[in-house]
Amino acid sequence: MTDIFNSLSQWLHDVFVAQWDGWIVLGFVAQACFTMRFVVQWLASEKARRSVMPVAFWFFSLFGGALLLIYAIQRKDPVFIAGQGLGLIVYIRNLWLIANEKKRLTAGE
């Protein structure tokens, strides 16, 4: 049993302490930004009492996704790079569509 706890302790140290650097901090900040999009969407939906997707959701997605992509590139993680890189296209496209809709609505006034 002691061996299991020693192994777990060593693993936790290797993962959370030994490799701690500025990149890890950036990764956590990026993940926090990315997670905020869910909080924003949840709060907006609760306020509207229906499912809504506020513009802030897409900005948090873009900012958090870009930071996570930078982190993934530094880590040389191809799975993470592909996932975040392709996600950025979706976030930019949605912001583009929202901006175009605002222009149409403003022009129609």
PDB file of N, CA and C in Angstrom:
ATOM      1  N   MET A   1       0.832  -1.194   0.000  1.00  0.00           N
ATOM      2  CA  MET A   1       0.000   0.000   0.000  1.00  0.00           C
ATOM      3  C   MET A   1       0.875   1.256   0.000  1.00  0.00           C
ATOM      4  N   THR A   2       1.969   1.208   0.723  1.00  0.00           N
ATOM      5  CA  THR A   2       2.888   2.341   0.780  1.00  0.00           C
ATOM      6  C   THR A   2       3.461   2.632  -0.601  1.00  0.00           C
ATOM      7  N   ASP A   3       3.740   1.577  -1.371  1.00  0.00           N
ATOM      8  CA  ASP A   3       4.271   1.766  -2.721  1.00  0.00           C
ATOM      9  C   ASP A   3       3.288   2.522  -3.610  1.00  0.00           C
ATOM     10  N   ILE A   4       2.009   2.223  -3.460  1.00  0.00           N
ATOM     11  CA  ILE A   4       0.988   2.910  -4.252  1.00  0.00           C
ATOM     12  C   ILE A   4       0.970   4.396  -3.914  1.00  0.00           C
ATOM     13  N   PHE A   5       0.994   4.730  -2.634  1.00  0.00           N
ATOM     14  CA  PHE A   5       0.982   6.137  -2.220  1.00  0.00           C
ATOM     15  C   PHE A   5       2.264   6.849  -2.639  1.00  0.00           C
ATOM     16  N   ASN A   6       3.394   6.162  -2.539  1.00  0.00           N
ATOM     17  CA  ASN A   6       4.662   6.758  -2.980  1.00  0.00           C
ATOM     18  C   ASN A   6       4.646   7.010  -4.488  1.00  0.00           C
ATOM     19  N   SER A   7       4.136   6.051  -5.241  1.00  0.00           N
ATOM     20  CA  SER A   7       4.045   6.216  -6.695  1.00  0.00           C
ATOM     21  C   SER A   7       3.105   7.358  -7.054  1.00  0.00           C
ATOM     22  N   LEU A   8       1.966   7.412  -6.382  1.00  0.00           N
ATOM     23  CA  LEU A   8       1.009   8.489  -6.629  1.00  0.00           C
ATOM     24  C   LEU A   8       1.606   9.841  -6.262  1.00  0.00           C
ATOM     25  N   SER A   9       2.270   9.895  -5.144  1.00  0.00           N
ATOM     26  CA  SER A   9       2.912  11.130  -4.696  1.00  0.00           C
ATOM     27  C   SER A   9       3.965  11.587  -5.704  1.00  0.00           C
ATOM     28  N   GLN A  10       4.757  10.661  -6.195  1.00  0.00           N
ATOM     29  CA  GLN A  10       5.788  10.996  -7.183  1.00  0.00           C
ATOM     30  C   GLN A  10       5.152  11.479  -8.482  1.00  0.00           C
ATOM     31  N   TRP A  11       4.092  10.796  -8.907  1.00  0.00           N
ATOM     32  CA  TRP A  11       3.410  11.189 -10.132  1.00  0.00           C
ATOM     33  C   TRP A  11       2.824  12.595 -10.000  1.00  0.00           C
ATOM     34  N   LEU A  12       2.150  12.879  -8.887  1.00  0.00           N
ATOM     35  CA  LEU A  12       1.579  14.211  -8.656  1.00  0.00           C
ATOM     36  C   LEU A  12       2.667  15.276  -8.653  1.00  0.00           C
ATOM     37  N   HIS A  13       3.788  14.970  -8.043  1.00  0.00           N
ATOM     38  CA  HIS A  13       4.916  15.911  -8.033  1.00  0.00           C
ATOM     39  C   HIS A  13       5.428  16.148  -9.454  1.00  0.00           C
ATOM     40  N   ASP A  14       5.609  15.063 -10.210  1.00  0.00           N
ATOM     41  CA  ASP A  14       6.107  15.189 -11.584  1.00  0.00           C
ATOM     42  C   ASP A  14       5.167  16.016 -12.455  1.00  0.00           C
ATOM     43  N   VAL A  15       3.873  15.825 -12.277  1.00  0.00           N
ATOM     44  CA  VAL A  15       2.889  16.509 -13.119  1.00  0.00           C
ATOM     45  C   VAL A  15       2.664  17.954 -12.685  1.00  0.00           C
ATOM     46  N   PHE A  16       2.497  18.188 -11.384  1.00  0.00           N
ATOM     47  CA  PHE A  16       2.063  19.505 -10.914  1.00  0.00           C
ATOM     48  C   PHE A  16       3.159  20.391 -10.332  1.00  0.00           C
ATOM     49  N   VAL A  17       4.321  19.841 -10.031  1.00  0.00           N
ATOM     50  CA  VAL A  17       5.375  20.646  -9.407  1.00  0.00           C
ATOM     51  C   VAL A  17       6.622  20.701 -10.276  1.00  0.00           C
ATOM     52  N   ALA A  18       7.142  19.560 -10.661  1.00  0.00           N
ATOM     53  CA  ALA A  18       8.435  19.495 -11.349  1.00  0.00           C
ATOM     54  C   ALA A  18       8.442  20.244 -12.673  1.00  0.00           C
ATOM     55  N   GLN A  19       7.350  20.226 -13.396  1.00  0.00           N
ATOM     56  CA  GLN A  19       7.336  20.889 -14.702  1.00  0.00           C
ATOM     57  C   GLN A  19       6.681  22.272 -14.671  1.00  0.00           C
ATOM     58  N   TRP A  20       6.459  22.813 -13.477  1.00  0.00           N
ATOM     59  CA  TRP A  20       5.802  24.114 -13.344  1.00  0.00           C
ATOM     60  C   TRP A  20       6.686  25.206 -13.933  1.00  0.00           C
ATOM     61  N   ASP A  21       6.140  25.954 -14.887  1.00  0.00           N
ATOM     62  CA  ASP A  21       6.857  27.073 -15.484  1.00  0.00           C
ATOM     63  C   ASP A  21       5.834  28.060 -16.040  1.00  0.00           C
ATOM     64  N   GLY A  22       6.315  29.056 -16.736  1.00  0.00           N
ATOM     65  CA  GLY A  22       5.424  30.063 -17.301  1.00  0.00           C
ATOM     66  C   GLY A  22       4.428  29.496 -18.301  1.00  0.00           C
ATOM     67  N   TRP A  23       4.825  28.462 -19.024  1.00  0.00           N
ATOM     68  CA  TRP A  23       3.925  27.839 -19.988  1.00  0.00           C
ATOM     69  C   TRP A  23       2.758  27.147 -19.302  1.00  0.00           C
ATOM     70  N   ILE A  24       3.025  26.545 -18.172  1.00  0.00           N
ATOM     71  CA  ILE A  24       1.944  25.908 -17.410  1.00  0.00           C
ATOM     72  C   ILE A  24       0.966  26.979 -16.931  1.00  0.00           C
ATOM     73  N   VAL A  25       1.506  28.109 -16.472  1.00  0.00           N
ATOM     74  CA  VAL A  25       0.652  29.222 -16.038  1.00  0.00           C
ATOM     75  C   VAL A  25      -0.203  29.693 -17.217  1.00  0.00           C
ATOM     76  N   LEU A  26       0.422  29.873 -18.395  1.00  0.00           N
ATOM     77  CA  LEU A  26      -0.330  30.276 -19.585  1.00  0.00           C
ATOM     78  C   LEU A  26      -1.421  29.254 -19.903  1.00  0.00           C
ATOM     79  N   GLY A  27      -1.100  27.984 -19.799  1.00  0.00           N
ATOM     80  CA  GLY A  27      -2.084  26.936 -20.062  1.00  0.00           C
ATOM     81  C   GLY A  27      -3.283  27.023 -19.133  1.00  0.00           C
ATOM     82  N   PHE A  28      -3.020  27.264 -17.853  1.00  0.00           N
ATOM     83  CA  PHE A  28      -4.129  27.391 -16.899  1.00  0.00           C
ATOM     84  C   PHE A  28      -4.947  28.657 -17.156  1.00  0.00           C
ATOM     85  N   VAL A  29      -4.284  29.768 -17.482  1.00  0.00           N
ATOM     86  CA  VAL A  29      -5.003  31.011 -17.804  1.00  0.00           C
ATOM     87  C   VAL A  29      -5.858  30.794 -19.055  1.00  0.00           C
ATOM     88  N   ALA A  30      -5.284  30.149 -20.055  1.00  0.00           N
ATOM     89  CA  ALA A  30      -6.017  29.867 -21.288  1.00  0.00           C
ATOM     90  C   ALA A  30      -7.233  28.993 -21.013  1.00  0.00           C
ATOM     91  N   GLN A  31      -7.054  27.969 -20.207  1.00  0.00           N
ATOM     92  CA  GLN A  31      -8.168  27.074 -19.890  1.00  0.00           C
ATOM     93  C   GLN A  31      -9.247  27.811 -19.101  1.00  0.00           C
ATOM     94  N   ALA A  32      -8.837  28.722 -18.220  1.00  0.00           N
ATOM     95  CA  ALA A  32      -9.814  29.514 -17.460  1.00  0.00           C
ATOM     96  C   ALA A  32     -10.625  30.406 -18.401  1.00  0.00           C
ATOM     97  N   CYS A  33      -9.958  31.044 -19.371  1.00  0.00           N
ATOM     98  CA  CYS A  33     -10.670  31.874 -20.352  1.00  0.00           C
ATOM     99  C   CYS A  33     -11.643  31.030 -21.160  1.00  0.00           C
ATOM    100  N   PHE A  34     -11.185  29.870 -21.591  1.00  0.00           N
ATOM    101  CA  PHE A  34     -12.029  28.987 -22.388  1.00  0.00           C
ATOM    102  C   PHE A  34     -13.233  28.519 -21.577  1.00  0.00           C
ATOM    103  N   THR A  35     -13.030  28.236 -20.301  1.00  0.00           N
ATOM    104  CA  THR A  35     -14.112  27.791 -19.425  1.00  0.00           C
ATOM    105  C   THR A  35     -15.122  28.909 -19.176  1.00  0.00           C
ATOM    106  N   MET A  36     -14.666  30.150 -19.158  1.00  0.00           N
ATOM    107  CA  MET A  36     -15.568  31.279 -18.919  1.00  0.00           C
ATOM    108  C   MET A  36     -16.688  31.356 -19.948  1.00  0.00           C
ATOM    109  N   ARG A  37     -16.455  30.840 -21.143  1.00  0.00           N
ATOM    110  CA  ARG A  37     -17.503  30.887 -22.163  1.00  0.00           C
ATOM    111  C   ARG A  37     -18.729  30.105 -21.714  1.00  0.00           C
ATOM    112  N   PHE A  38     -18.517  29.008 -21.018  1.00  0.00           N
ATOM    113  CA  PHE A  38     -19.646  28.222 -20.520  1.00  0.00           C
ATOM    114  C   PHE A  38     -20.381  28.965 -19.415  1.00  0.00           C
ATOM    115  N   VAL A  39     -19.627  29.647 -18.564  1.00  0.00           N
ATOM    116  CA  VAL A  39     -20.238  30.427 -17.480  1.00  0.00           C
ATOM    117  C   VAL A  39     -21.086  31.551 -18.073  1.00  0.00           C
ATOM    118  N   VAL A  40     -20.531  32.262 -19.052  1.00  0.00           N
ATOM    119  CA  VAL A  40     -21.247  33.364 -19.700  1.00  0.00           C
ATOM    120  C   VAL A  40     -22.529  32.851 -20.359  1.00  0.00           C
ATOM    121  N   GLN A  41     -22.431  31.739 -21.066  1.00  0.00           N
ATOM    122  CA  GLN A  41     -23.601  31.181 -21.747  1.00  0.00           C
ATOM    123  C   GLN A  41     -24.655  30.728 -20.748  1.00  0.00           C
ATOM    124  N   TRP A  42     -24.224  30.105 -19.693  1.00  0.00           N
ATOM    125  CA  TRP A  42     -25.146  29.620 -18.663  1.00  0.00           C
ATOM    126  C   TRP A  42     -25.889  30.785 -18.015  1.00  0.00           C
ATOM    127  N   LEU A  43     -25.147  31.818 -17.598  1.00  0.00           N
ATOM    128  CA  LEU A  43     -25.769  32.972 -16.945  1.00  0.00           C
ATOM    129  C   LEU A  43     -26.730  33.695 -17.888  1.00  0.00           C
ATOM    130  N   ALA A  44     -26.334  33.858 -19.147  1.00  0.00           N
ATOM    131  CA  ALA A  44     -27.212  34.523 -20.115  1.00  0.00           C
ATOM    132  C   ALA A  44     -28.485  33.708 -20.343  1.00  0.00           C
ATOM    133  N   SER A  45     -28.348  32.401 -20.404  1.00  0.00           N
ATOM    134  CA  SER A  45     -29.519  31.538 -20.596  1.00  0.00           C
ATOM    135  C   SER A  45     -30.442  31.580 -19.387  1.00  0.00           C
ATOM    136  N   GLU A  46     -29.864  31.574 -18.198  1.00  0.00           N
ATOM    137  CA  GLU A  46     -30.681  31.657 -16.984  1.00  0.00           C
ATOM    138  C   GLU A  46     -31.440  32.979 -16.940  1.00  0.00           C
ATOM    139  N   LYS A  47     -30.756  34.058 -17.310  1.00  0.00           N
ATOM    140  CA  LYS A  47     -31.395  35.374 -17.294  1.00  0.00           C
ATOM    141  C   LYS A  47     -32.540  35.437 -18.312  1.00  0.00           C
ATOM    142  N   ALA A  48     -32.318  34.864 -19.499  1.00  0.00           N
ATOM    143  CA  ALA A  48     -33.338  34.883 -20.548  1.00  0.00           C
ATOM    144  C   ALA A  48     -34.389  33.787 -20.365  1.00  0.00           C
ATOM    145  N   ARG A  49     -34.112  32.851 -19.498  1.00  0.00           N
ATOM    146  CA  ARG A  49     -34.982  31.705 -19.245  1.00  0.00           C
ATOM    147  C   ARG A  49     -35.190  30.855 -20.499  1.00  0.00           C
ATOM    148  N   ARG A  50     -34.166  30.861 -21.357  1.00  0.00           N
ATOM    149  CA  ARG A  50     -34.117  30.019 -22.553  1.00  0.00           C
ATOM    150  C   ARG A  50     -32.645  29.917 -22.962  1.00  0.00           C
ATOM    151  N   SER A  51     -32.343  28.992 -23.816  1.00  0.00           N
ATOM    152  CA  SER A  51     -30.953  28.824 -24.244  1.00  0.00           C
ATOM    153  C   SER A  51     -30.556  29.944 -25.201  1.00  0.00           C
ATOM    154  N   VAL A  52     -29.529  30.689 -24.839  1.00  0.00           N
ATOM    155  CA  VAL A  52     -29.008  31.759 -25.691  1.00  0.00           C
ATOM    156  C   VAL A  52     -27.488  31.632 -25.781  1.00  0.00           C
ATOM    157  N   MET A  53     -26.940  32.197 -26.845  1.00  0.00           N
ATOM    158  CA  MET A  53     -25.504  32.174 -27.063  1.00  0.00           C
ATOM    159  C   MET A  53     -25.036  33.626 -27.216  1.00  0.00           C
ATOM    160  N   PRO A  54     -24.627  34.274 -26.132  1.00  0.00           N
ATOM    161  CA  PRO A  54     -24.222  35.678 -26.217  1.00  0.00           C
ATOM    162  C   PRO A  54     -22.915  35.846 -26.997  1.00  0.00           C
ATOM    163  N   VAL A  55     -22.703  37.034 -27.532  1.00  0.00           N
ATOM    164  CA  VAL A  55     -21.482  37.326 -28.287  1.00  0.00           C
ATOM    165  C   VAL A  55     -20.248  37.084 -27.421  1.00  0.00           C
ATOM    166  N   ALA A  56     -20.346  37.370 -26.129  1.00  0.00           N
ATOM    167  CA  ALA A  56     -19.204  37.155 -25.231  1.00  0.00           C
ATOM    168  C   ALA A  56     -18.745  35.697 -25.249  1.00  0.00           C
ATOM    169  N   PHE A  57     -19.663  34.761 -25.469  1.00  0.00           N
ATOM    170  CA  PHE A  57     -19.307  33.342 -25.569  1.00  0.00           C
ATOM    171  C   PHE A  57     -18.268  33.144 -26.663  1.00  0.00           C
ATOM    172  N   TRP A  58     -18.502  33.773 -27.822  1.00  0.00           N
ATOM    173  CA  TRP A  58     -17.600  33.596 -28.957  1.00  0.00           C
ATOM    174  C   TRP A  58     -16.278  34.310 -28.733  1.00  0.00           C
ATOM    175  N   PHE A  59     -16.295  35.461 -28.048  1.00  0.00           N
ATOM    176  CA  PHE A  59     -15.033  36.139 -27.747  1.00  0.00           C
ATOM    177  C   PHE A  59     -14.197  35.347 -26.743  1.00  0.00           C
ATOM    178  N   PHE A  60     -14.834  34.798 -25.710  1.00  0.00           N
ATOM    179  CA  PHE A  60     -14.102  33.936 -24.776  1.00  0.00           C
ATOM    180  C   PHE A  60     -13.581  32.692 -25.494  1.00  0.00           C
ATOM    181  N   SER A  61     -14.376  32.145 -26.405  1.00  0.00           N
ATOM    182  CA  SER A  61     -13.939  30.982 -27.181  1.00  0.00           C
ATOM    183  C   SER A  61     -12.706  31.324 -28.010  1.00  0.00           C
ATOM    184  N   LEU A  62     -12.751  32.466 -28.688  1.00  0.00           N
ATOM    185  CA  LEU A  62     -11.639  32.889 -29.538  1.00  0.00           C
ATOM    186  C   LEU A  62     -10.380  33.157 -28.724  1.00  0.00           C
ATOM    187  N   PHE A  63     -10.506  33.934 -27.659  1.00  0.00           N
ATOM    188  CA  PHE A  63      -9.347  34.291 -26.841  1.00  0.00           C
ATOM    189  C   PHE A  63      -8.774  33.062 -26.141  1.00  0.00           C
ATOM    190  N   GLY A  64      -9.630  32.289 -25.499  1.00  0.00           N
ATOM    191  CA  GLY A  64      -9.164  31.083 -24.810  1.00  0.00           C
ATOM    192  C   GLY A  64      -8.597  30.066 -25.779  1.00  0.00           C
ATOM    193  N   GLY A  65      -9.263  29.889 -26.924  1.00  0.00           N
ATOM    194  CA  GLY A  65      -8.783  28.949 -27.935  1.00  0.00           C
ATOM    195  C   GLY A  65      -7.441  29.351 -28.511  1.00  0.00           C
ATOM    196  N   ALA A  66      -7.251  30.659 -28.751  1.00  0.00           N
ATOM    197  CA  ALA A  66      -5.965  31.139 -29.273  1.00  0.00           C
ATOM    198  C   ALA A  66      -4.845  30.898 -28.260  1.00  0.00           C
ATOM    199  N   LEU A  67      -5.111  31.193 -26.993  1.00  0.00           N
ATOM    200  CA  LEU A  67      -4.099  30.939 -25.960  1.00  0.00           C
ATOM    201  C   LEU A  67      -3.799  29.447 -25.829  1.00  0.00           C
ATOM    202  N   LEU A  68      -4.839  28.620 -25.897  1.00  0.00           N
ATOM    203  CA  LEU A  68      -4.624  27.172 -25.828  1.00  0.00           C
ATOM    204  C   LEU A  68      -3.853  26.671 -27.044  1.00  0.00           C
ATOM    205  N   LEU A  69      -4.079  27.269 -28.211  1.00  0.00           N
ATOM    206  CA  LEU A  69      -3.322  26.890 -29.403  1.00  0.00           C
ATOM    207  C   LEU A  69      -1.846  27.233 -29.226  1.00  0.00           C
ATOM    208  N   ILE A  70      -1.562  28.416 -28.711  1.00  0.00           N
ATOM    209  CA  ILE A  70      -0.170  28.800 -28.440  1.00  0.00           C
ATOM    210  C   ILE A  70       0.475  27.802 -27.481  1.00  0.00           C
ATOM    211  N   TYR A  71      -0.247  27.463 -26.440  1.00  0.00           N
ATOM    212  CA  TYR A  71       0.243  26.493 -25.458  1.00  0.00           C
ATOM    213  C   TYR A  71       0.496  25.135 -26.124  1.00  0.00           C
ATOM    214  N   ALA A  72      -0.440  24.688 -26.959  1.00  0.00           N
ATOM    215  CA  ALA A  72      -0.306  23.390 -27.630  1.00  0.00           C
ATOM    216  C   ALA A  72       0.876  23.378 -28.597  1.00  0.00           C
ATOM    217  N   ILE A  73       1.086  24.491 -29.298  1.00  0.00           N
ATOM    218  CA  ILE A  73       2.230  24.589 -30.213  1.00  0.00           C
ATOM    219  C   ILE A  73       3.529  24.482 -29.432  1.00  0.00           C
ATOM    220  N   GLN A  74       3.603  25.182 -28.303  1.00  0.00           N
ATOM    221  CA  GLN A  74       4.815  25.112 -27.481  1.00  0.00           C
ATOM    222  C   GLN A  74       5.036  23.705 -26.964  1.00  0.00           C
ATOM    223  N   ARG A  75       3.965  23.000 -26.640  1.00  0.00           N
ATOM    224  CA  ARG A  75       4.041  21.625 -26.124  1.00  0.00           C
ATOM    225  C   ARG A  75       4.248  20.600 -27.243  1.00  0.00           C
ATOM    226  N   LYS A  76       4.086  21.051 -28.499  1.00  0.00           N
ATOM    227  CA  LYS A  76       4.230  20.172 -29.668  1.00  0.00           C
ATOM    228  C   LYS A  76       3.244  19.005 -29.612  1.00  0.00           C
ATOM    229  N   ASP A  77       1.991  19.348 -29.307  1.00  0.00           N
ATOM    230  CA  ASP A  77       0.931  18.347 -29.177  1.00  0.00           C
ATOM    231  C   ASP A  77       0.027  18.420 -30.411  1.00  0.00           C
ATOM    232  N   PRO A  78       0.178  17.495 -31.378  1.00  0.00           N
ATOM    233  CA  PRO A  78      -0.575  17.598 -32.629  1.00  0.00           C
ATOM    234  C   PRO A  78      -2.089  17.467 -32.459  1.00  0.00           C
ATOM    235  N   VAL A  79      -2.535  16.679 -31.508  1.00  0.00           N
ATOM    236  CA  VAL A  79      -3.975  16.520 -31.285  1.00  0.00           C
ATOM    237  C   VAL A  79      -4.575  17.831 -30.789  1.00  0.00           C
ATOM    238  N   PHE A  80      -3.929  18.438 -29.818  1.00  0.00           N
ATOM    239  CA  PHE A  80      -4.369  19.698 -29.233  1.00  0.00           C
ATOM    240  C   PHE A  80      -4.282  20.831 -30.263  1.00  0.00           C
ATOM    241  N   ILE A  81      -3.207  20.842 -31.065  1.00  0.00           N
ATOM    242  CA  ILE A  81      -3.030  21.864 -32.099  1.00  0.00           C
ATOM    243  C   ILE A  81      -4.165  21.781 -33.120  1.00  0.00           C
ATOM    244  N   ALA A  82      -4.464  20.587 -33.590  1.00  0.00           N
ATOM    245  CA  ALA A  82      -5.533  20.415 -34.581  1.00  0.00           C
ATOM    246  C   ALA A  82      -6.884  20.825 -34.002  1.00  0.00           C
ATOM    247  N   GLY A  83      -7.172  20.398 -32.794  1.00  0.00           N
ATOM    248  CA  GLY A  83      -8.457  20.722 -32.174  1.00  0.00           C
ATOM    249  C   GLY A  83      -8.653  22.211 -31.964  1.00  0.00           C
ATOM    250  N   GLN A  84      -7.658  22.866 -31.398  1.00  0.00           N
ATOM    251  CA  GLN A  84      -7.791  24.303 -31.138  1.00  0.00           C
ATOM    252  C   GLN A  84      -7.701  25.113 -32.421  1.00  0.00           C
ATOM    253  N   GLY A  85      -6.835  24.692 -33.344  1.00  0.00           N
ATOM    254  CA  GLY A  85      -6.696  25.413 -34.609  1.00  0.00           C
ATOM    255  C   GLY A  85      -7.988  25.416 -35.411  1.00  0.00           C
ATOM    256  N   LEU A  86      -8.619  24.265 -35.526  1.00  0.00           N
ATOM    257  CA  LEU A  86      -9.888  24.186 -36.257  1.00  0.00           C
ATOM    258  C   LEU A  86     -11.007  24.901 -35.507  1.00  0.00           C
ATOM    259  N   GLY A  87     -10.973  24.858 -34.192  1.00  0.00           N
ATOM    260  CA  GLY A  87     -11.976  25.561 -33.398  1.00  0.00           C
ATOM    261  C   GLY A  87     -11.946  27.060 -33.639  1.00  0.00           C
ATOM    262  N   LEU A  88     -10.746  27.618 -33.818  1.00  0.00           N
ATOM    263  CA  LEU A  88     -10.631  29.058 -34.055  1.00  0.00           C
ATOM    264  C   LEU A  88     -11.395  29.481 -35.308  1.00  0.00           C
ATOM    265  N   ILE A  89     -11.400  28.622 -36.319  1.00  0.00           N
ATOM    266  CA  ILE A  89     -12.146  28.929 -37.548  1.00  0.00           C
ATOM    267  C   ILE A  89     -13.634  29.085 -37.239  1.00  0.00           C
ATOM    268  N   VAL A  90     -14.169  28.206 -36.433  1.00  0.00           N
ATOM    269  CA  VAL A  90     -15.589  28.264 -36.053  1.00  0.00           C
ATOM    270  C   VAL A  90     -15.882  29.541 -35.271  1.00  0.00           C
ATOM    271  N   TYR A  91     -15.016  29.888 -34.318  1.00  0.00           N
ATOM    272  CA  TYR A  91     -15.248  31.074 -33.482  1.00  0.00           C
ATOM    273  C   TYR A  91     -15.194  32.346 -34.319  1.00  0.00           C
ATOM    274  N   ILE A  92     -14.202  32.436 -35.208  1.00  0.00           N
ATOM    275  CA  ILE A  92     -14.077  33.612 -36.070  1.00  0.00           C
ATOM    276  C   ILE A  92     -15.281  33.713 -37.003  1.00  0.00           C
ATOM    277  N   ARG A  93     -15.695  32.594 -37.568  1.00  0.00           N
ATOM    278  CA  ARG A  93     -16.849  32.595 -38.481  1.00  0.00           C
ATOM    279  C   ARG A  93     -18.120  33.062 -37.771  1.00  0.00           C
ATOM    280  N   ASN A  94     -18.345  32.602 -36.559  1.00  0.00           N
ATOM    281  CA  ASN A  94     -19.529  33.032 -35.818  1.00  0.00           C
ATOM    282  C   ASN A  94     -19.475  34.519 -35.500  1.00  0.00           C
ATOM    283  N   LEU A  95     -18.322  35.027 -35.111  1.00  0.00           N
ATOM    284  CA  LEU A  95     -18.192  36.467 -34.854  1.00  0.00           C
ATOM    285  C   LEU A  95     -18.410  37.258 -36.144  1.00  0.00           C
ATOM    286  N   TRP A  96     -17.934  36.736 -37.255  1.00  0.00           N
ATOM    287  CA  TRP A  96     -18.136  37.369 -38.561  1.00  0.00           C
ATOM    288  C   TRP A  96     -19.630  37.428 -38.896  1.00  0.00           C
ATOM    289  N   LEU A  97     -20.325  36.326 -38.705  1.00  0.00           N
ATOM    290  CA  LEU A  97     -21.767  36.287 -38.978  1.00  0.00           C
ATOM    291  C   LEU A  97     -22.530  37.266 -38.084  1.00  0.00           C
ATOM    292  N   ILE A  98     -22.151  37.348 -36.822  1.00  0.00           N
ATOM    293  CA  ILE A  98     -22.802  38.275 -35.887  1.00  0.00           C
ATOM    294  C   ILE A  98     -22.568  39.715 -36.318  1.00  0.00           C
ATOM    295  N   ALA A  99     -21.335  40.043 -36.717  1.00  0.00           N
ATOM    296  CA  ALA A  99     -21.013  41.402 -37.162  1.00  0.00           C
ATOM    297  C   ALA A  99     -21.800  41.757 -38.420  1.00  0.00           C
ATOM    298  N   ASN A 100     -21.898  40.825 -39.361  1.00  0.00           N
ATOM    299  CA  ASN A 100     -22.669  41.081 -40.587  1.00  0.00           C
ATOM    300  C   ASN A 100     -24.147  41.282 -40.293  1.00  0.00           C
ATOM    301  N   GLU A 101     -24.675  40.512 -39.358  1.00  0.00           N
ATOM    302  CA  GLU A 101     -26.082  40.675 -38.982  1.00  0.00           C
ATOM    303  C   GLU A 101     -26.315  42.053 -38.358  1.00  0.00           C
ATOM    304  N   LYS A 102     -25.388  42.494 -37.516  1.00  0.00           N
ATOM    305  CA  LYS A 102     -25.521  43.831 -36.909  1.00  0.00           C
ATOM    306  C   LYS A 102     -25.494  44.907 -37.983  1.00  0.00           C
ATOM    307  N   LYS A 103     -24.627  44.748 -38.983  1.00  0.00           N
ATOM    308  CA  LYS A 103     -24.555  45.721 -40.076  1.00  0.00           C
ATOM    309  C   LYS A 103     -25.874  45.768 -40.842  1.00  0.00           C
ATOM    310  N   ARG A 104     -26.441  44.605 -41.128  1.00  0.00           N
ATOM    311  CA  ARG A 104     -27.721  44.556 -41.849  1.00  0.00           C
ATOM    312  C   ARG A 104     -28.833  45.213 -41.040  1.00  0.00           C
ATOM    313  N   LEU A 105     -28.862  44.937 -39.746  1.00  0.00           N
ATOM    314  CA  LEU A 105     -29.898  45.521 -38.889  1.00  0.00           C
ATOM    315  C   LEU A 105     -29.734  47.030 -38.783  1.00  0.00           C
ATOM    316  N   THR A 106     -28.489  47.493 -38.676  1.00  0.00           N
ATOM    317  CA  THR A 106     -28.218  48.931 -38.584  1.00  0.00           C
ATOM    318  C   THR A 106     -28.577  49.621 -39.898  1.00  0.00           C
ATOM    319  N   ALA A 107     -28.258  49.006 -41.017  1.00  0.00           N
ATOM    320  CA  ALA A 107     -28.567  49.584 -42.327  1.00  0.00           C
ATOM    321  C   ALA A 107     -30.074  49.619 -42.579  1.00  0.00           C
ATOM    322  N   GLY A 108     -30.803  48.709 -41.984  1.00  0.00           N
ATOM    323  CA  GLY A 108     -32.254  48.635 -42.178  1.00  0.00           C
ATOM    324  C   GLY A 108     -33.032  49.619 -41.336  1.00  0.00           C
ATOM    325  N   GLU A 109     -32.379  50.296 -40.410  1.00  0.00           N
ATOM    326  CA  GLU A 109     -33.094  51.231 -39.519  1.00  0.00           C
ATOM    327  C   GLU A 109     -33.450  52.509 -40.199  1.00  0.00           C
TER     328      GLU A 109
END
